[in-house]
Amino acid sequence: MPVKIRLQRHGKKGKPFYWVVAADSRSKRDGKFLAKLGTYNPNTNPATIDLDVDSAVQWLHNGAQPTDTARAILSYKGALLKHHLDGGVRKGALTQEQADAKLTTWLEEKTGKVDAKKGNLSDAKADARAKALEAEKKVNDDRIAAAKQAEADLIAANAPAAEEATEETADENTEETQA
């Protein structure tokens, strides 16, 4: 029976969520599967991948062929490297300790890269928030200054009319007192 390691789609429309499964290649995409190996959520940044590496490597040892996307996921999590190193151990090119050391070194480097990317994303998000807040403060300050200027213009426009009115009343008062 030809076995494939592939993705099985779940989730709602527009928000995919995948299971990484080992399934008979003749079964439907979302149909019957032999084993669930993990999950893949592309909606987060970076994508969230939860994979049982040991069972994935076991399926690879048994001859399961990953699809292109599943191969990328297995490579990202180190399952293909572990499969490759286990082949070297079986042939006698490496000892198990050397293979484990190479795998842990690679996993540490990969974790460092992922953490750096997460840090850069959070820094970029914080910078964008700070810039948006600064722009909003500037717009609010401009709006307040425009309101004060309009109020000052209104007072200035009403001031000459008020002076003329007081002069007219003063003229009327002097005329009444003279009469």
N, C-alpha and C. Protein backbone atom coordinates (compact mmCIF):
# COMPACT_ATOMS: atom_id res chain seq x y z
N MET A 1 0.86 -1.18 0.00
CA MET A 1 0.00 0.00 0.00
C MET A 1 0.90 1.24 0.00
N PRO A 2 0.79 2.09 -1.03
CA PRO A 2 1.61 3.31 -1.08
C PRO A 2 1.11 4.33 -0.06
N VAL A 3 2.02 4.77 0.80
CA VAL A 3 1.67 5.71 1.87
C VAL A 3 2.29 7.07 1.57
N LYS A 4 1.49 8.11 1.77
CA LYS A 4 1.95 9.49 1.60
C LYS A 4 1.83 10.21 2.93
N ILE A 5 2.77 11.09 3.18
CA ILE A 5 2.64 12.04 4.29
C ILE A 5 2.15 13.32 3.65
N ARG A 6 0.98 13.74 4.03
CA ARG A 6 0.36 14.89 3.37
C ARG A 6 -0.46 15.71 4.36
N LEU A 7 -1.02 16.80 3.85
CA LEU A 7 -1.83 17.69 4.68
C LEU A 7 -3.30 17.36 4.48
N GLN A 8 -4.03 17.43 5.57
CA GLN A 8 -5.48 17.23 5.54
C GLN A 8 -6.11 18.52 6.03
N ARG A 9 -6.92 19.15 5.20
CA ARG A 9 -7.45 20.47 5.51
C ARG A 9 -8.60 20.41 6.50
N HIS A 10 -8.54 21.31 7.47
CA HIS A 10 -9.61 21.53 8.44
C HIS A 10 -9.78 23.03 8.56
N GLY A 11 -10.63 23.49 9.46
CA GLY A 11 -10.83 24.92 9.63
C GLY A 11 -11.97 25.41 8.76
N LYS A 12 -12.23 26.71 8.87
CA LYS A 12 -13.35 27.26 8.11
C LYS A 12 -12.86 27.94 6.83
N LYS A 13 -13.79 28.38 6.04
CA LYS A 13 -13.48 29.00 4.76
C LYS A 13 -12.62 30.25 4.98
N GLY A 14 -11.52 30.31 4.28
CA GLY A 14 -10.63 31.45 4.40
C GLY A 14 -9.67 31.37 5.58
N LYS A 15 -9.86 30.42 6.48
CA LYS A 15 -8.99 30.23 7.65
C LYS A 15 -8.56 28.77 7.72
N PRO A 16 -7.66 28.34 6.84
CA PRO A 16 -7.30 26.93 6.82
C PRO A 16 -6.48 26.52 8.03
N PHE A 17 -6.63 25.28 8.42
CA PHE A 17 -5.87 24.66 9.48
C PHE A 17 -5.64 23.23 9.01
N TYR A 18 -4.42 22.76 9.08
CA TYR A 18 -4.11 21.47 8.49
C TYR A 18 -3.61 20.48 9.53
N TRP A 19 -3.95 19.21 9.31
CA TRP A 19 -3.34 18.10 10.03
C TRP A 19 -2.30 17.50 9.11
N VAL A 20 -1.15 17.17 9.65
CA VAL A 20 -0.14 16.44 8.90
C VAL A 20 -0.41 14.96 9.20
N VAL A 21 -0.74 14.19 8.16
CA VAL A 21 -1.14 12.80 8.36
C VAL A 21 -0.35 11.88 7.43
N ALA A 22 -0.27 10.62 7.84
CA ALA A 22 0.21 9.55 6.97
C ALA A 22 -1.04 8.84 6.48
N ALA A 23 -1.23 8.81 5.16
CA ALA A 23 -2.46 8.25 4.60
C ALA A 23 -2.15 7.44 3.35
N ASP A 24 -3.05 6.53 3.04
CA ASP A 24 -2.96 5.79 1.79
C ASP A 24 -3.11 6.81 0.66
N SER A 25 -2.26 6.72 -0.34
CA SER A 25 -2.29 7.71 -1.42
C SER A 25 -3.58 7.65 -2.23
N ARG A 26 -4.33 6.55 -2.14
CA ARG A 26 -5.56 6.42 -2.90
C ARG A 26 -6.78 6.97 -2.15
N SER A 27 -6.61 7.33 -0.88
CA SER A 27 -7.74 7.86 -0.12
C SER A 27 -7.94 9.34 -0.44
N LYS A 28 -9.12 9.86 -0.09
CA LYS A 28 -9.44 11.26 -0.36
C LYS A 28 -8.55 12.19 0.46
N ARG A 29 -8.47 13.43 0.02
CA ARG A 29 -7.63 14.41 0.71
C ARG A 29 -8.00 14.52 2.18
N ASP A 30 -9.27 14.66 2.47
CA ASP A 30 -9.73 14.81 3.85
C ASP A 30 -10.34 13.53 4.38
N GLY A 31 -10.02 12.41 3.75
CA GLY A 31 -10.63 11.14 4.13
C GLY A 31 -9.83 10.40 5.17
N LYS A 32 -9.93 9.07 5.07
CA LYS A 32 -9.33 8.17 6.04
C LYS A 32 -7.80 8.30 6.03
N PHE A 33 -7.19 8.26 7.22
CA PHE A 33 -5.74 8.34 7.33
C PHE A 33 -5.25 7.26 8.29
N LEU A 34 -3.97 6.97 8.21
CA LEU A 34 -3.37 5.92 9.04
C LEU A 34 -2.90 6.46 10.38
N ALA A 35 -2.29 7.65 10.36
CA ALA A 35 -1.77 8.23 11.61
C ALA A 35 -1.72 9.75 11.47
N LYS A 36 -2.05 10.42 12.56
CA LYS A 36 -1.92 11.88 12.61
C LYS A 36 -0.54 12.19 13.18
N LEU A 37 0.25 12.94 12.43
CA LEU A 37 1.63 13.23 12.82
C LEU A 37 1.78 14.61 13.46
N GLY A 38 0.85 15.51 13.19
CA GLY A 38 0.95 16.84 13.75
C GLY A 38 -0.05 17.79 13.13
N THR A 39 0.15 19.09 13.40
CA THR A 39 -0.73 20.13 12.89
C THR A 39 0.11 21.24 12.27
N TYR A 40 -0.54 22.00 11.38
CA TYR A 40 0.10 23.13 10.71
C TYR A 40 -0.93 24.23 10.59
N ASN A 41 -0.61 25.41 11.17
CA ASN A 41 -1.52 26.55 11.13
C ASN A 41 -0.83 27.71 10.40
N PRO A 42 -1.18 27.94 9.12
CA PRO A 42 -0.53 29.02 8.37
C PRO A 42 -1.10 30.40 8.66
N ASN A 43 -2.10 30.50 9.53
CA ASN A 43 -2.74 31.78 9.80
C ASN A 43 -1.91 32.66 10.74
N THR A 44 -0.97 32.09 11.46
CA THR A 44 -0.14 32.86 12.38
C THR A 44 1.14 33.27 11.67
N ASN A 45 1.84 34.24 12.24
CA ASN A 45 3.10 34.68 11.67
C ASN A 45 4.18 34.62 12.73
N PRO A 46 5.17 33.77 12.66
CA PRO A 46 5.39 32.73 11.68
C PRO A 46 4.40 31.58 11.86
N ALA A 47 4.25 30.77 10.85
CA ALA A 47 3.28 29.67 10.88
C ALA A 47 3.57 28.74 12.06
N THR A 48 2.50 28.25 12.70
CA THR A 48 2.64 27.36 13.84
C THR A 48 2.63 25.92 13.35
N ILE A 49 3.69 25.19 13.70
CA ILE A 49 3.80 23.79 13.31
C ILE A 49 4.05 22.96 14.55
N ASP A 50 3.18 22.00 14.79
CA ASP A 50 3.35 21.06 15.90
C ASP A 50 3.46 19.67 15.26
N LEU A 51 4.64 19.06 15.36
CA LEU A 51 4.90 17.82 14.65
C LEU A 51 5.56 16.82 15.57
N ASP A 52 5.09 15.58 15.55
CA ASP A 52 5.74 14.48 16.26
C ASP A 52 6.85 13.97 15.34
N VAL A 53 8.06 14.44 15.58
CA VAL A 53 9.18 14.17 14.68
C VAL A 53 9.51 12.68 14.65
N ASP A 54 9.47 12.03 15.81
CA ASP A 54 9.84 10.62 15.87
C ASP A 54 8.90 9.74 15.04
N SER A 55 7.59 9.99 15.14
CA SER A 55 6.67 9.17 14.36
C SER A 55 6.77 9.51 12.87
N ALA A 56 7.05 10.77 12.53
CA ALA A 56 7.24 11.14 11.13
C ALA A 56 8.47 10.44 10.56
N VAL A 57 9.56 10.39 11.34
CA VAL A 57 10.76 9.71 10.89
C VAL A 57 10.50 8.22 10.75
N GLN A 58 9.72 7.64 11.65
CA GLN A 58 9.38 6.22 11.55
C GLN A 58 8.62 5.93 10.25
N TRP A 59 7.66 6.81 9.90
CA TRP A 59 6.93 6.62 8.65
C TRP A 59 7.86 6.79 7.45
N LEU A 60 8.81 7.71 7.53
CA LEU A 60 9.78 7.87 6.45
C LEU A 60 10.65 6.62 6.31
N HIS A 61 11.05 6.03 7.45
CA HIS A 61 11.84 4.79 7.41
C HIS A 61 11.04 3.66 6.76
N ASN A 62 9.73 3.66 6.96
CA ASN A 62 8.88 2.62 6.40
C ASN A 62 8.54 2.86 4.93
N GLY A 63 8.99 3.98 4.36
CA GLY A 63 8.81 4.20 2.93
C GLY A 63 7.75 5.21 2.56
N ALA A 64 7.18 5.92 3.51
CA ALA A 64 6.17 6.92 3.19
C ALA A 64 6.83 8.07 2.42
N GLN A 65 6.15 8.56 1.40
CA GLN A 65 6.65 9.66 0.58
C GLN A 65 5.90 10.94 0.92
N PRO A 66 6.60 12.00 1.34
CA PRO A 66 5.90 13.25 1.65
C PRO A 66 5.56 14.02 0.38
N THR A 67 4.44 14.76 0.41
CA THR A 67 4.12 15.67 -0.67
C THR A 67 5.05 16.87 -0.57
N ASP A 68 5.00 17.76 -1.54
CA ASP A 68 5.92 18.90 -1.56
C ASP A 68 5.78 19.77 -0.31
N THR A 69 4.54 20.12 0.04
CA THR A 69 4.32 20.97 1.21
C THR A 69 4.68 20.22 2.49
N ALA A 70 4.31 18.95 2.56
CA ALA A 70 4.66 18.16 3.74
C ALA A 70 6.18 18.01 3.85
N ARG A 71 6.86 17.89 2.71
CA ARG A 71 8.33 17.80 2.74
C ARG A 71 8.93 19.09 3.31
N ALA A 72 8.38 20.23 2.92
CA ALA A 72 8.87 21.50 3.45
C ALA A 72 8.66 21.58 4.95
N ILE A 73 7.51 21.12 5.43
CA ILE A 73 7.22 21.14 6.86
C ILE A 73 8.14 20.19 7.61
N LEU A 74 8.33 18.98 7.07
CA LEU A 74 9.22 18.01 7.71
C LEU A 74 10.66 18.52 7.73
N SER A 75 11.08 19.20 6.67
CA SER A 75 12.41 19.77 6.63
C SER A 75 12.56 20.89 7.65
N TYR A 76 11.53 21.72 7.77
CA TYR A 76 11.55 22.86 8.71
C TYR A 76 11.69 22.38 10.15
N LYS A 77 11.04 21.27 10.47
CA LYS A 77 11.08 20.75 11.83
C LYS A 77 12.23 19.78 12.08
N GLY A 78 13.01 19.42 11.05
CA GLY A 78 14.18 18.58 11.23
C GLY A 78 13.93 17.09 11.07
N ALA A 79 12.74 16.69 10.65
CA ALA A 79 12.44 15.27 10.50
C ALA A 79 13.24 14.67 9.35
N LEU A 80 13.38 15.40 8.26
CA LEU A 80 14.15 14.87 7.13
C LEU A 80 15.63 14.76 7.48
N LEU A 81 16.15 15.71 8.25
CA LEU A 81 17.55 15.64 8.68
C LEU A 81 17.76 14.44 9.58
N LYS A 82 16.83 14.22 10.49
CA LYS A 82 16.95 13.07 11.38
C LYS A 82 16.88 11.76 10.59
N HIS A 83 16.01 11.70 9.60
CA HIS A 83 15.91 10.52 8.73
C HIS A 83 17.23 10.30 8.00
N HIS A 84 17.81 11.38 7.49
CA HIS A 84 19.08 11.30 6.78
C HIS A 84 20.20 10.83 7.70
N LEU A 85 20.25 11.40 8.91
CA LEU A 85 21.29 11.00 9.87
C LEU A 85 21.12 9.55 10.31
N ASP A 86 19.89 9.11 10.46
CA ASP A 86 19.65 7.71 10.83
C ASP A 86 20.14 6.77 9.73
N GLY A 87 20.00 7.18 8.48
CA GLY A 87 20.55 6.40 7.37
C GLY A 87 22.06 6.28 7.47
N GLY A 88 22.72 7.36 7.84
CA GLY A 88 24.17 7.34 8.04
C GLY A 88 24.57 6.43 9.18
N VAL A 89 23.77 6.39 10.24
CA VAL A 89 24.05 5.52 11.37
C VAL A 89 23.89 4.06 10.95
N ARG A 90 22.83 3.76 10.17
CA ARG A 90 22.61 2.38 9.71
C ARG A 90 23.75 1.89 8.82
N LYS A 91 24.31 2.81 8.03
CA LYS A 91 25.40 2.43 7.12
C LYS A 91 26.74 2.38 7.84
N GLY A 92 26.82 2.95 9.04
CA GLY A 92 28.07 2.92 9.80
C GLY A 92 28.94 4.14 9.58
N ALA A 93 28.45 5.15 8.87
CA ALA A 93 29.23 6.36 8.63
C ALA A 93 29.30 7.24 9.87
N LEU A 94 28.30 7.16 10.73
CA LEU A 94 28.22 7.96 11.96
C LEU A 94 27.87 7.05 13.13
N THR A 95 28.18 7.53 14.31
CA THR A 95 27.64 6.87 15.50
C THR A 95 26.35 7.59 15.88
N GLN A 96 25.55 6.96 16.71
CA GLN A 96 24.28 7.57 17.12
C GLN A 96 24.51 8.87 17.89
N GLU A 97 25.59 8.93 18.68
CA GLU A 97 25.90 10.14 19.45
C GLU A 97 26.25 11.30 18.52
N GLN A 98 27.02 11.02 17.47
CA GLN A 98 27.37 12.07 16.51
C GLN A 98 26.13 12.58 15.80
N ALA A 99 25.26 11.66 15.42
CA ALA A 99 24.03 12.04 14.73
C ALA A 99 23.15 12.90 15.65
N ASP A 100 23.03 12.50 16.91
CA ASP A 100 22.23 13.29 17.86
C ASP A 100 22.84 14.66 18.08
N ALA A 101 24.16 14.74 18.14
CA ALA A 101 24.82 16.03 18.34
C ALA A 101 24.57 16.96 17.14
N LYS A 102 24.67 16.41 15.92
CA LYS A 102 24.41 17.22 14.73
C LYS A 102 22.96 17.71 14.71
N LEU A 103 22.04 16.83 15.08
CA LEU A 103 20.63 17.22 15.08
C LEU A 103 20.35 18.30 16.12
N THR A 104 20.88 18.16 17.33
CA THR A 104 20.63 19.18 18.36
C THR A 104 21.25 20.51 17.98
N THR A 105 22.44 20.49 17.36
CA THR A 105 23.07 21.74 16.91
C THR A 105 22.20 22.42 15.87
N TRP A 106 21.71 21.65 14.92
CA TRP A 106 20.86 22.21 13.87
C TRP A 106 19.56 22.77 14.46
N LEU A 107 18.97 22.03 15.40
CA LEU A 107 17.72 22.48 16.01
C LEU A 107 17.92 23.77 16.81
N GLU A 108 19.05 23.90 17.50
CA GLU A 108 19.34 25.13 18.25
C GLU A 108 19.48 26.32 17.31
N GLU A 109 20.19 26.12 16.20
CA GLU A 109 20.34 27.21 15.22
C GLU A 109 18.98 27.60 14.65
N LYS A 110 18.17 26.61 14.34
CA LYS A 110 16.84 26.87 13.78
C LYS A 110 15.97 27.63 14.78
N THR A 111 16.02 27.22 16.04
CA THR A 111 15.24 27.90 17.08
C THR A 111 15.69 29.35 17.23
N GLY A 112 17.00 29.57 17.15
CA GLY A 112 17.53 30.93 17.22
C GLY A 112 17.03 31.80 16.07
N LYS A 113 16.99 31.24 14.87
CA LYS A 113 16.50 31.99 13.71
C LYS A 113 15.02 32.32 13.86
N VAL A 114 14.24 31.35 14.33
CA VAL A 114 12.80 31.58 14.49
C VAL A 114 12.54 32.63 15.57
N ASP A 115 13.28 32.54 16.67
CA ASP A 115 13.12 33.54 17.74
C ASP A 115 13.52 34.93 17.26
N ALA A 116 14.57 35.00 16.45
CA ALA A 116 14.99 36.30 15.90
C ALA A 116 13.89 36.87 15.00
N LYS A 117 13.27 36.02 14.20
CA LYS A 117 12.20 36.49 13.32
C LYS A 117 11.02 36.98 14.15
N LYS A 118 10.67 36.24 15.20
CA LYS A 118 9.57 36.67 16.07
C LYS A 118 9.90 38.00 16.72
N GLY A 119 11.14 38.15 17.17
CA GLY A 119 11.56 39.42 17.78
C GLY A 119 11.49 40.57 16.79
N ASN A 120 11.94 40.34 15.56
CA ASN A 120 11.87 41.38 14.54
C ASN A 120 10.43 41.76 14.23
N LEU A 121 9.55 40.76 14.18
CA LEU A 121 8.14 41.05 13.92
C LEU A 121 7.53 41.87 15.05
N SER A 122 7.85 41.51 16.29
CA SER A 122 7.28 42.27 17.41
C SER A 122 7.85 43.68 17.46
N ASP A 123 9.15 43.83 17.13
CA ASP A 123 9.75 45.17 17.08
C ASP A 123 9.11 46.01 15.99
N ALA A 124 8.88 45.40 14.84
CA ALA A 124 8.26 46.14 13.73
C ALA A 124 6.84 46.55 14.10
N LYS A 125 6.13 45.67 14.80
CA LYS A 125 4.76 45.99 15.21
C LYS A 125 4.77 47.13 16.23
N ALA A 126 5.72 47.09 17.17
CA ALA A 126 5.82 48.16 18.17
C ALA A 126 6.19 49.49 17.50
N ASP A 127 7.10 49.47 16.53
CA ASP A 127 7.47 50.68 15.81
C ASP A 127 6.27 51.26 15.05
N ALA A 128 5.51 50.37 14.42
CA ALA A 128 4.33 50.83 13.67
C ALA A 128 3.32 51.47 14.62
N ARG A 129 3.13 50.88 15.79
CA ARG A 129 2.22 51.46 16.78
C ARG A 129 2.70 52.83 17.24
N ALA A 130 4.01 52.94 17.50
CA ALA A 130 4.57 54.22 17.95
C ALA A 130 4.40 55.29 16.87
N LYS A 131 4.66 54.94 15.62
CA LYS A 131 4.49 55.91 14.53
C LYS A 131 3.03 56.32 14.38
N ALA A 132 2.12 55.36 14.50
CA ALA A 132 0.70 55.68 14.39
C ALA A 132 0.26 56.59 15.53
N LEU A 133 0.76 56.33 16.74
CA LEU A 133 0.42 57.17 17.89
C LEU A 133 0.96 58.57 17.70
N GLU A 134 2.19 58.68 17.21
CA GLU A 134 2.79 60.00 16.97
C GLU A 134 2.01 60.77 15.91
N ALA A 135 1.61 60.09 14.84
CA ALA A 135 0.82 60.74 13.79
C ALA A 135 -0.53 61.19 14.33
N GLU A 136 -1.13 60.37 15.17
CA GLU A 136 -2.43 60.73 15.75
C GLU A 136 -2.29 61.94 16.68
N LYS A 137 -1.21 61.98 17.46
CA LYS A 137 -0.97 63.14 18.33
C LYS A 137 -0.79 64.41 17.50
N LYS A 138 -0.05 64.30 16.39
CA LYS A 138 0.18 65.45 15.54
C LYS A 138 -1.14 65.96 14.94
N VAL A 139 -1.98 65.03 14.47
CA VAL A 139 -3.28 65.41 13.92
C VAL A 139 -4.13 66.09 14.98
N ASN A 140 -4.13 65.55 16.20
CA ASN A 140 -4.92 66.14 17.28
C ASN A 140 -4.40 67.54 17.64
N ASP A 141 -3.07 67.69 17.69
CA ASP A 141 -2.50 69.00 17.99
C ASP A 141 -2.86 70.01 16.90
N ASP A 142 -2.78 69.59 15.64
CA ASP A 142 -3.15 70.48 14.54
C ASP A 142 -4.63 70.86 14.63
N ARG A 143 -5.46 69.91 14.98
CA ARG A 143 -6.90 70.17 15.10
C ARG A 143 -7.17 71.17 16.23
N ILE A 144 -6.48 71.00 17.36
CA ILE A 144 -6.65 71.94 18.49
C ILE A 144 -6.17 73.33 18.10
N ALA A 145 -5.01 73.41 17.41
CA ALA A 145 -4.49 74.71 16.99
C ALA A 145 -5.44 75.39 16.00
N ALA A 146 -6.03 74.62 15.08
CA ALA A 146 -6.97 75.19 14.12
C ALA A 146 -8.22 75.70 14.84
N ALA A 147 -8.68 74.96 15.86
CA ALA A 147 -9.86 75.39 16.61
C ALA A 147 -9.56 76.69 17.37
N LYS A 148 -8.37 76.77 17.97
CA LYS A 148 -8.00 78.00 18.69
C LYS A 148 -7.87 79.17 17.72
N GLN A 149 -7.30 78.92 16.53
CA GLN A 149 -7.16 79.97 15.54
C GLN A 149 -8.53 80.44 15.06
N ALA A 150 -9.45 79.50 14.85
CA ALA A 150 -10.79 79.88 14.42
C ALA A 150 -11.49 80.68 15.50
N GLU A 151 -11.30 80.30 16.75
CA GLU A 151 -11.91 81.05 17.86
C GLU A 151 -11.32 82.45 17.94
N ALA A 152 -10.00 82.56 17.76
CA ALA A 152 -9.36 83.87 17.80
C ALA A 152 -9.84 84.74 16.63
N ASP A 153 -10.00 84.15 15.45
CA ASP A 153 -10.50 84.89 14.29
C ASP A 153 -11.93 85.36 14.53
N LEU A 154 -12.73 84.53 15.15
CA LEU A 154 -14.12 84.88 15.44
C LEU A 154 -14.16 86.05 16.44
N ILE A 155 -13.33 85.97 17.45
CA ILE A 155 -13.29 87.06 18.44
C ILE A 155 -12.80 88.35 17.77
N ALA A 156 -11.77 88.23 16.91
CA ALA A 156 -11.23 89.40 16.23
C ALA A 156 -12.27 90.00 15.28
N ALA A 157 -13.05 89.16 14.63
CA ALA A 157 -14.07 89.65 13.71
C ALA A 157 -15.20 90.33 14.49
N ASN A 158 -15.52 89.84 15.64
CA ASN A 158 -16.58 90.42 16.45
C ASN A 158 -16.12 91.65 17.21
N ALA A 159 -14.83 91.80 17.45
CA ALA A 159 -14.32 92.92 18.24
C ALA A 159 -14.57 94.27 17.56
N PRO A 160 -14.29 94.47 16.27
CA PRO A 160 -14.58 95.78 15.66
C PRO A 160 -16.07 96.08 15.64
N ALA A 161 -16.89 95.08 15.44
CA ALA A 161 -18.33 95.31 15.45
C ALA A 161 -18.77 95.73 16.85
N ALA A 162 -18.18 95.14 17.86
CA ALA A 162 -18.53 95.50 19.24
C ALA A 162 -18.05 96.92 19.54
N GLU A 163 -16.87 97.31 19.03
CA GLU A 163 -16.38 98.67 19.25
C GLU A 163 -17.28 99.69 18.57
N GLU A 164 -17.72 99.37 17.33
CA GLU A 164 -18.63 100.27 16.63
C GLU A 164 -19.94 100.39 17.38
N ALA A 165 -20.42 99.29 17.91
CA ALA A 165 -21.68 99.33 18.65
C ALA A 165 -21.52 100.17 19.91
N THR A 166 -20.42 100.05 20.60
CA THR A 166 -20.22 100.86 21.80
C THR A 166 -20.04 102.32 21.44
N GLU A 167 -19.39 102.61 20.30
CA GLU A 167 -19.26 104.00 19.87
C GLU A 167 -20.63 104.57 19.51
N GLU A 168 -21.47 103.78 18.83
CA GLU A 168 -22.80 104.26 18.47
C GLU A 168 -23.64 104.51 19.71
N THR A 169 -23.57 103.63 20.67
CA THR A 169 -24.35 103.83 21.90
C THR A 169 -23.79 105.01 22.67
N ALA A 170 -22.48 105.17 22.62
CA ALA A 170 -21.90 106.32 23.30
C ALA A 170 -22.33 107.60 22.59
N ASP A 171 -22.38 107.62 21.27
CA ASP A 171 -22.84 108.78 20.52
C ASP A 171 -24.31 109.06 20.83
N GLU A 172 -25.13 108.01 20.89
CA GLU A 172 -26.55 108.19 21.20
C GLU A 172 -26.72 108.76 22.61
N ASN A 173 -25.89 108.26 23.53
CA ASN A 173 -25.99 108.75 24.91
C ASN A 173 -25.59 110.21 24.99
N THR A 174 -24.58 110.63 24.27
CA THR A 174 -24.18 112.02 24.30
C THR A 174 -25.23 112.90 23.65
N GLU A 175 -25.89 112.40 22.59
CA GLU A 175 -26.95 113.16 21.94
C GLU A 175 -28.15 113.29 22.88
N GLU A 176 -28.45 112.26 23.61
CA GLU A 176 -29.60 112.33 24.52
C GLU A 176 -29.32 113.28 25.66
N THR A 177 -28.11 113.28 26.14
CA THR A 177 -27.79 114.15 27.25
C THR A 177 -27.75 115.62 26.80
N GLN A 178 -27.40 115.86 25.53
CA GLN A 178 -27.38 117.22 25.03
C GLN A 178 -28.80 117.71 24.76
N ALA A 179 -29.68 116.85 24.47
CA ALA A 179 -31.02 117.28 24.12
C ALA A 179 -31.84 117.58 25.30
